[in-house]
Amino acid sequence: MSTAPADVEQTIREFLTRVEKLPEALTPDLPLYADGIGLDSLETAELSAILEDDHGTDPFQGDELPQTVGDILSFYAA
């Protein structure tokens, strides 16, 4: 299980491609919800499970939910 930023970003890209929500540019400041990627609660739960399976921990289990792609990348960088 790698938590290298490139590996985590690839996991996110693969998930967003599968749910047909991959934006043209996946930048750290891109919001996960609403006006950003537009993930709904089911998609968020699915991404959470995939990240935990692929990288060993779940960034959505902390006190504050990630709001941007960068929040997820920062979680694994810490």
Protein backbone atom coordinates (compact mmCIF):
# COMPACT_ATOMS: atom_id res chain seq x y z
CA MET A 1 0.00 0.00 0.00
CA SER A 2 1.59 3.19 -1.17
CA THR A 3 0.59 6.60 0.10
CA ALA A 4 2.79 8.49 -2.36
CA PRO A 5 0.91 11.52 -3.69
CA ALA A 6 1.02 10.23 -7.26
CA ASP A 7 -0.48 6.88 -6.19
CA VAL A 8 -3.25 8.52 -4.15
CA GLU A 9 -4.01 10.88 -7.04
CA GLN A 10 -4.16 7.91 -9.42
CA THR A 11 -6.68 6.19 -7.14
CA ILE A 12 -8.83 9.34 -7.14
CA ARG A 13 -8.53 9.66 -10.94
CA GLU A 14 -9.56 6.03 -11.49
CA PHE A 15 -12.56 6.42 -9.21
CA LEU A 16 -13.69 9.68 -10.84
CA THR A 17 -13.31 8.14 -14.29
CA ARG A 18 -15.47 5.19 -13.25
CA VAL A 19 -18.25 7.43 -11.89
CA GLU A 20 -17.87 9.73 -14.91
CA LYS A 21 -16.93 12.82 -12.90
CA LEU A 22 -13.26 13.29 -13.82
CA PRO A 23 -12.67 17.01 -14.42
CA GLU A 24 -10.31 18.33 -17.08
CA ALA A 25 -7.83 19.35 -14.38
CA LEU A 26 -7.53 17.55 -11.06
CA THR A 27 -5.94 20.29 -8.94
CA PRO A 28 -5.38 20.35 -5.16
CA ASP A 29 -7.80 23.26 -4.69
CA LEU A 30 -10.64 21.52 -6.55
CA PRO A 31 -13.65 21.04 -4.21
CA LEU A 32 -14.94 17.48 -3.88
CA TYR A 33 -18.58 18.52 -3.60
CA ALA A 34 -21.10 20.96 -5.12
CA ASP A 35 -19.44 23.36 -7.57
CA GLY A 36 -16.29 21.24 -7.78
CA ILE A 37 -16.37 17.56 -8.68
CA GLY A 38 -19.93 17.20 -7.40
CA LEU A 39 -19.61 14.02 -5.36
CA ASP A 40 -22.78 12.93 -3.60
CA SER A 41 -22.88 11.05 -0.29
CA LEU A 42 -22.82 7.58 -1.88
CA GLU A 43 -19.88 8.48 -4.12
CA THR A 44 -18.06 9.97 -1.14
CA ALA A 45 -18.56 6.75 0.85
CA GLU A 46 -17.36 4.70 -2.10
CA LEU A 47 -14.23 6.86 -2.55
CA SER A 48 -13.59 6.58 1.19
CA ALA A 49 -13.70 2.77 1.03
CA ILE A 50 -11.48 2.62 -2.05
CA LEU A 51 -8.87 4.91 -0.50
CA GLU A 52 -8.82 2.79 2.67
CA ASP A 53 -8.53 -0.45 0.68
CA ASP A 54 -5.78 0.88 -1.59
CA HIS A 55 -3.80 3.00 0.89
CA GLY A 56 -4.52 1.55 4.33
CA THR A 57 -6.26 4.51 5.93
CA ASP A 58 -9.36 6.58 5.31
CA PRO A 59 -9.15 10.39 5.19
CA PHE A 60 -12.92 10.61 5.71
CA GLN A 61 -12.79 9.08 9.22
CA GLY A 62 -11.20 12.09 10.93
CA ASP A 63 -12.88 14.93 12.76
CA GLU A 64 -13.04 17.08 9.63
CA LEU A 65 -14.07 15.70 6.26
CA PRO A 66 -11.81 16.52 3.32
CA GLN A 67 -13.26 19.34 1.25
CA THR A 68 -10.76 19.38 -1.62
CA VAL A 69 -8.53 16.99 -3.54
CA GLY A 70 -5.62 18.66 -1.74
CA ASP A 71 -7.12 17.77 1.65
CA ILE A 72 -6.99 14.08 0.69
CA LEU A 73 -3.42 14.38 -0.61
CA SER A 74 -2.35 16.23 2.55
CA PHE A 75 -3.89 13.53 4.75
CA TYR A 76 -1.67 10.90 3.18
CA ALA A 77 1.39 13.17 3.13
CA ALA A 78 1.21 13.67 6.90
